[in-house]
Amino acid sequence: MVYVPRADANEARKIKEIENIGYSVIDEKANPKKPDAVVVLGGLAMPKFGCAPEEVIQMIEALSGEKKPKIIGVCFMNIFERAGCSKKLKFDTMINTTLESVVT
């Protein structure tokens, strides 16, 4: 597994299982080319922290080669829809979670 921050494949890092902790991004370069699946996280759609959907599309196309990977979106509170990303990125599957806060 590989983490690519802000759709910049040059900054790709490995995701490693750390015993008794779980999975974590580590500071070791990784090769993200020819993925079977690309998981696009909702943070990429956030105005202050994200990047344009076109940048994500370009990254996926550059890394994919001949085989097209499955594109999976994971977001909260409809951020892909609100940012217009769901119209530009063709997700095979999208996981969208809605949160409700209660103060007691």
Protein backbone atom coordinates (compact mmCIF):
# COMPACT_ATOMS: atom_id res chain seq x y z
CA MET A 1 0.00 0.00 0.00
CA VAL A 2 1.14 3.49 -0.85
CA TYR A 3 0.07 6.95 0.32
CA VAL A 4 0.26 9.80 -2.20
CA PRO A 5 -0.19 13.23 -0.58
CA ARG A 6 -2.07 15.91 -2.55
CA ALA A 7 -1.98 13.79 -5.73
CA ASP A 8 1.81 14.27 -5.99
CA ALA A 9 3.21 10.88 -6.99
CA ASN A 10 6.78 12.14 -6.43
CA GLU A 11 5.99 12.27 -2.71
CA ALA A 12 4.57 8.72 -2.49
CA ARG A 13 5.39 6.90 0.74
CA LYS A 14 4.94 3.31 1.88
CA ILE A 15 2.19 2.29 4.28
CA LYS A 16 3.48 -0.35 6.66
CA GLU A 17 1.87 -2.50 9.33
CA ILE A 18 3.43 -1.76 12.70
CA GLU A 19 2.94 -4.57 15.21
CA ASN A 20 0.50 -3.76 18.02
CA ILE A 21 -0.20 -0.36 16.46
CA GLY A 22 -1.80 -0.81 13.03
CA TYR A 23 -0.96 0.67 9.64
CA SER A 24 1.03 3.86 9.32
CA VAL A 25 2.61 5.97 6.59
CA ILE A 26 6.37 5.74 6.93
CA ASP A 27 9.09 8.00 5.59
CA GLU A 28 10.21 5.60 2.87
CA LYS A 29 9.67 6.39 -0.81
CA ALA A 30 7.29 4.12 -2.72
CA ASN A 31 6.46 3.37 -6.34
CA PRO A 32 2.73 3.97 -6.88
CA LYS A 33 2.70 2.86 -10.54
CA LYS A 34 0.17 0.39 -11.95
CA PRO A 35 -2.20 0.19 -8.95
CA ASP A 36 -5.10 -2.26 -8.85
CA ALA A 37 -7.13 0.28 -6.90
CA VAL A 38 -6.85 3.95 -6.02
CA VAL A 39 -8.58 5.19 -2.87
CA VAL A 40 -9.26 8.92 -3.09
CA LEU A 41 -9.70 10.45 0.35
CA GLY A 42 -12.14 13.29 0.92
CA GLY A 43 -9.46 15.66 2.16
CA LEU A 44 -8.45 16.19 -1.46
CA ALA A 45 -11.81 17.91 -2.03
CA MET A 46 -11.48 20.34 0.87
CA PRO A 47 -10.96 23.90 -0.39
CA LYS A 48 -8.19 24.90 2.02
CA PHE A 49 -6.21 21.64 1.99
CA GLY A 50 -7.08 19.77 -1.19
CA CYS A 51 -6.35 19.99 -4.86
CA ALA A 52 -8.35 20.20 -8.08
CA PRO A 53 -10.11 17.06 -9.33
CA GLU A 54 -8.18 17.45 -12.58
CA GLU A 55 -4.92 16.96 -10.66
CA VAL A 56 -6.25 13.71 -9.18
CA ILE A 57 -7.39 12.53 -12.62
CA GLN A 58 -3.99 13.35 -14.14
CA MET A 59 -2.20 11.49 -11.36
CA ILE A 60 -4.38 8.39 -11.78
CA GLU A 61 -3.88 8.41 -15.56
CA ALA A 62 -0.11 8.87 -15.21
CA LEU A 63 0.20 5.98 -12.74
CA SER A 64 -2.27 3.56 -14.32
CA GLY A 65 -0.60 2.49 -17.53
CA GLU A 66 -2.76 0.25 -19.72
CA LYS A 67 -4.81 -1.27 -16.92
CA LYS A 68 -7.44 0.98 -15.39
CA PRO A 69 -7.56 0.70 -11.58
CA LYS A 70 -10.78 0.70 -9.56
CA ILE A 71 -11.40 4.19 -8.21
CA ILE A 72 -12.81 4.23 -4.67
CA GLY A 73 -13.85 7.43 -2.96
CA VAL A 74 -13.95 7.68 0.83
CA CYS A 75 -15.36 10.86 2.31
CA PHE A 76 -17.47 12.44 5.03
CA MET A 77 -20.51 14.69 4.80
CA ASN A 78 -20.82 14.60 0.97
CA ILE A 79 -17.59 16.57 0.44
CA PHE A 80 -17.01 15.08 -3.04
CA GLU A 81 -20.49 16.09 -4.13
CA ARG A 82 -20.35 19.53 -2.49
CA ALA A 83 -16.99 20.26 -4.14
CA GLY A 84 -18.15 19.01 -7.56
CA CYS A 85 -15.59 16.20 -7.58
CA SER A 86 -18.12 13.41 -8.01
CA LYS A 87 -19.06 14.87 -11.41
CA LYS A 88 -15.45 14.89 -12.61
CA LEU A 89 -13.96 11.81 -10.93
CA LYS A 90 -15.60 8.60 -12.11
CA PHE A 91 -15.74 6.55 -8.91
CA ASP A 92 -16.39 2.82 -9.18
CA THR A 93 -17.45 2.90 -5.54
CA MET A 94 -17.94 5.70 -3.05
CA ILE A 95 -18.12 5.38 0.72
CA ASN A 96 -19.71 8.50 2.19
CA THR A 97 -20.23 8.80 5.94
CA THR A 98 -22.52 11.28 7.63
CA LEU A 99 -21.71 12.23 11.20
CA GLU A 100 -24.01 13.59 13.86
CA SER A 101 -22.59 15.35 16.90
CA VAL A 102 -24.38 15.32 20.23
CA VAL A 103 -23.20 17.31 23.22
CA THR A 104 -24.37 15.88 26.54
